[in-house]
Amino acid sequence: MRSLPLEGHAHLLGQSILYFETSIDSGIERSRSEFKKGDVAFLPSTGSVCFFMKDVASAKTMTPIGKLGDNIDALNDVKSGDVLCIYEDAT
């Protein structure tokens, strides 16, 4: 939360993972390699925030950091190079 807002260019890994790289330098905590559609995770090796568009068994372990609540299928409209932003809603 201290690093927000975060912004980066979208990258796709197949049709299952959407991610963007950040400048966050952090280790791994509560590591997992299996994620469900809508999960959000942090990949410490690249400092990337990953959004799971389908259920995935990843070859890399990541730190789970959240879950998307609504309209998960909107991720299917994101194209490589689009700018993604994560921010805290102050309302």
C-alpha atoms as a PDB file:
ATOM      1  CA  MET A   1       0.000   0.000   0.000  1.00  0.00           C
ATOM      2  CA  ARG A   2       2.915   2.341   0.671  1.00  0.00           C
ATOM      3  CA  SER A   3       3.988   1.998  -2.974  1.00  0.00           C
ATOM      4  CA  LEU A   4       0.660   3.125  -4.439  1.00  0.00           C
ATOM      5  CA  PRO A   5      -0.113   4.374  -6.992  1.00  0.00           C
ATOM      6  CA  LEU A   6       1.552   1.839  -9.304  1.00  0.00           C
ATOM      7  CA  GLU A   7       1.551   2.150 -13.067  1.00  0.00           C
ATOM      8  CA  GLY A   8       3.058   0.149 -15.906  1.00  0.00           C
ATOM      9  CA  HIS A   9       2.609  -1.228 -19.388  1.00  0.00           C
ATOM     10  CA  ALA A  10       0.561  -4.415 -19.686  1.00  0.00           C
ATOM     11  CA  HIS A  11       2.087  -7.695 -20.818  1.00  0.00           C
ATOM     12  CA  LEU A  12       0.248 -10.950 -21.499  1.00  0.00           C
ATOM     13  CA  LEU A  13       1.416 -14.480 -20.752  1.00  0.00           C
ATOM     14  CA  GLY A  14      -0.787 -16.552 -23.017  1.00  0.00           C
ATOM     15  CA  GLN A  15      -4.444 -16.033 -22.197  1.00  0.00           C
ATOM     16  CA  SER A  16      -4.089 -16.680 -18.480  1.00  0.00           C
ATOM     17  CA  ILE A  17      -1.909 -13.968 -16.923  1.00  0.00           C
ATOM     18  CA  LEU A  18      -1.850 -10.203 -17.366  1.00  0.00           C
ATOM     19  CA  TYR A  19       1.008  -8.394 -15.626  1.00  0.00           C
ATOM     20  CA  PHE A  20       2.982  -5.190 -15.405  1.00  0.00           C
ATOM     21  CA  GLU A  21       6.441  -4.527 -14.003  1.00  0.00           C
ATOM     22  CA  THR A  22       7.027  -2.209 -11.058  1.00  0.00           C
ATOM     23  CA  SER A  23      10.052  -0.849  -9.235  1.00  0.00           C
ATOM     24  CA  ILE A  24       9.078  -2.678  -6.029  1.00  0.00           C
ATOM     25  CA  ASP A  25      11.947  -4.670  -4.542  1.00  0.00           C
ATOM     26  CA  SER A  26      10.533  -7.136  -2.049  1.00  0.00           C
ATOM     27  CA  GLY A  27      10.985 -10.760  -1.106  1.00  0.00           C
ATOM     28  CA  ILE A  28       8.398 -13.488  -1.249  1.00  0.00           C
ATOM     29  CA  GLU A  29       5.863 -14.141   1.520  1.00  0.00           C
ATOM     30  CA  ARG A  30       3.199 -16.846   1.861  1.00  0.00           C
ATOM     31  CA  SER A  31       4.401 -18.227  -1.479  1.00  0.00           C
ATOM     32  CA  ARG A  32       1.991 -20.060  -3.757  1.00  0.00           C
ATOM     33  CA  SER A  33       2.124 -21.412  -7.276  1.00  0.00           C
ATOM     34  CA  GLU A  34      -1.581 -22.123  -7.861  1.00  0.00           C
ATOM     35  CA  PHE A  35      -3.960 -19.233  -8.466  1.00  0.00           C
ATOM     36  CA  LYS A  36      -7.636 -18.839  -9.318  1.00  0.00           C
ATOM     37  CA  LYS A  37      -9.294 -16.517 -11.806  1.00  0.00           C
ATOM     38  CA  GLY A  38      -9.376 -13.029 -10.275  1.00  0.00           C
ATOM     39  CA  ASP A  39      -6.367 -13.512  -7.989  1.00  0.00           C
ATOM     40  CA  VAL A  40      -3.666 -10.837  -7.886  1.00  0.00           C
ATOM     41  CA  ALA A  41      -0.071 -11.766  -7.012  1.00  0.00           C
ATOM     42  CA  PHE A  42       3.399 -10.242  -6.803  1.00  0.00           C
ATOM     43  CA  LEU A  43       6.324 -11.880  -8.617  1.00  0.00           C
ATOM     44  CA  PRO A  44       9.434 -10.742  -6.709  1.00  0.00           C
ATOM     45  CA  SER A  45      11.987 -11.879  -9.311  1.00  0.00           C
ATOM     46  CA  THR A  46      10.758  -9.192 -11.747  1.00  0.00           C
ATOM     47  CA  GLY A  47       8.835  -6.890  -9.386  1.00  0.00           C
ATOM     48  CA  SER A  48       5.665  -7.612 -11.380  1.00  0.00           C
ATOM     49  CA  VAL A  49       2.031  -7.434 -10.338  1.00  0.00           C
ATOM     50  CA  CYS A  50       0.130 -10.333 -11.952  1.00  0.00           C
ATOM     51  CA  PHE A  51      -3.602 -10.627 -12.594  1.00  0.00           C
ATOM     52  CA  PHE A  52      -4.943 -14.118 -13.234  1.00  0.00           C
ATOM     53  CA  MET A  53      -7.584 -14.298 -15.954  1.00  0.00           C
ATOM     54  CA  LYS A  54      -7.957 -18.082 -15.596  1.00  0.00           C
ATOM     55  CA  ASP A  55      -7.019 -20.720 -13.019  1.00  0.00           C
ATOM     56  CA  VAL A  56      -3.247 -21.240 -13.250  1.00  0.00           C
ATOM     57  CA  ALA A  57      -0.617 -23.591 -11.860  1.00  0.00           C
ATOM     58  CA  SER A  58       2.492 -21.417 -12.276  1.00  0.00           C
ATOM     59  CA  ALA A  59       6.070 -22.633 -12.621  1.00  0.00           C
ATOM     60  CA  LYS A  60       7.127 -19.705 -10.397  1.00  0.00           C
ATOM     61  CA  THR A  61       6.050 -19.043  -6.843  1.00  0.00           C
ATOM     62  CA  MET A  62       4.474 -15.681  -6.088  1.00  0.00           C
ATOM     63  CA  THR A  63       3.098 -13.723  -3.155  1.00  0.00           C
ATOM     64  CA  PRO A  64      -0.711 -13.451  -3.221  1.00  0.00           C
ATOM     65  CA  ILE A  65      -1.674  -9.796  -2.651  1.00  0.00           C
ATOM     66  CA  GLY A  66      -5.375  -9.623  -3.414  1.00  0.00           C
ATOM     67  CA  LYS A  67      -8.383 -10.594  -5.446  1.00  0.00           C
ATOM     68  CA  LEU A  68     -10.395  -8.692  -8.041  1.00  0.00           C
ATOM     69  CA  GLY A  69     -13.975  -8.226  -6.937  1.00  0.00           C
ATOM     70  CA  ASP A  70     -16.078  -7.255  -9.914  1.00  0.00           C
ATOM     71  CA  ASN A  71     -15.895  -7.438 -13.701  1.00  0.00           C
ATOM     72  CA  ILE A  72     -12.867  -9.732 -13.891  1.00  0.00           C
ATOM     73  CA  ASP A  73     -13.642 -10.391 -17.557  1.00  0.00           C
ATOM     74  CA  ALA A  74     -12.743  -6.751 -18.344  1.00  0.00           C
ATOM     75  CA  LEU A  75      -9.115  -7.944 -18.242  1.00  0.00           C
ATOM     76  CA  ASN A  76      -9.787  -9.726 -21.544  1.00  0.00           C
ATOM     77  CA  ASP A  77     -10.042  -6.292 -23.211  1.00  0.00           C
ATOM     78  CA  VAL A  78      -6.539  -5.230 -22.114  1.00  0.00           C
ATOM     79  CA  LYS A  79      -3.914  -5.334 -24.874  1.00  0.00           C
ATOM     80  CA  SER A  80      -0.117  -5.519 -24.560  1.00  0.00           C
ATOM     81  CA  GLY A  81       1.233  -2.021 -24.092  1.00  0.00           C
ATOM     82  CA  ASP A  82      -1.913  -0.608 -22.455  1.00  0.00           C
ATOM     83  CA  VAL A  83      -1.162   1.321 -19.275  1.00  0.00           C
ATOM     84  CA  LEU A  84      -2.443  -0.255 -16.056  1.00  0.00           C
ATOM     85  CA  CYS A  85      -2.708   1.681 -12.806  1.00  0.00           C
ATOM     86  CA  ILE A  86      -3.376   0.510  -9.261  1.00  0.00           C
ATOM     87  CA  TYR A  87      -4.323   3.204  -6.780  1.00  0.00           C
ATOM     88  CA  GLU A  88      -6.067   3.547  -3.448  1.00  0.00           C
ATOM     89  CA  ASP A  89      -9.608   4.878  -3.712  1.00  0.00           C
ATOM     90  CA  ALA A  90      -9.803   7.672  -1.179  1.00  0.00           C
ATOM     91  CA  THR A  91     -13.624   7.869  -1.039  1.00  0.00           C
END
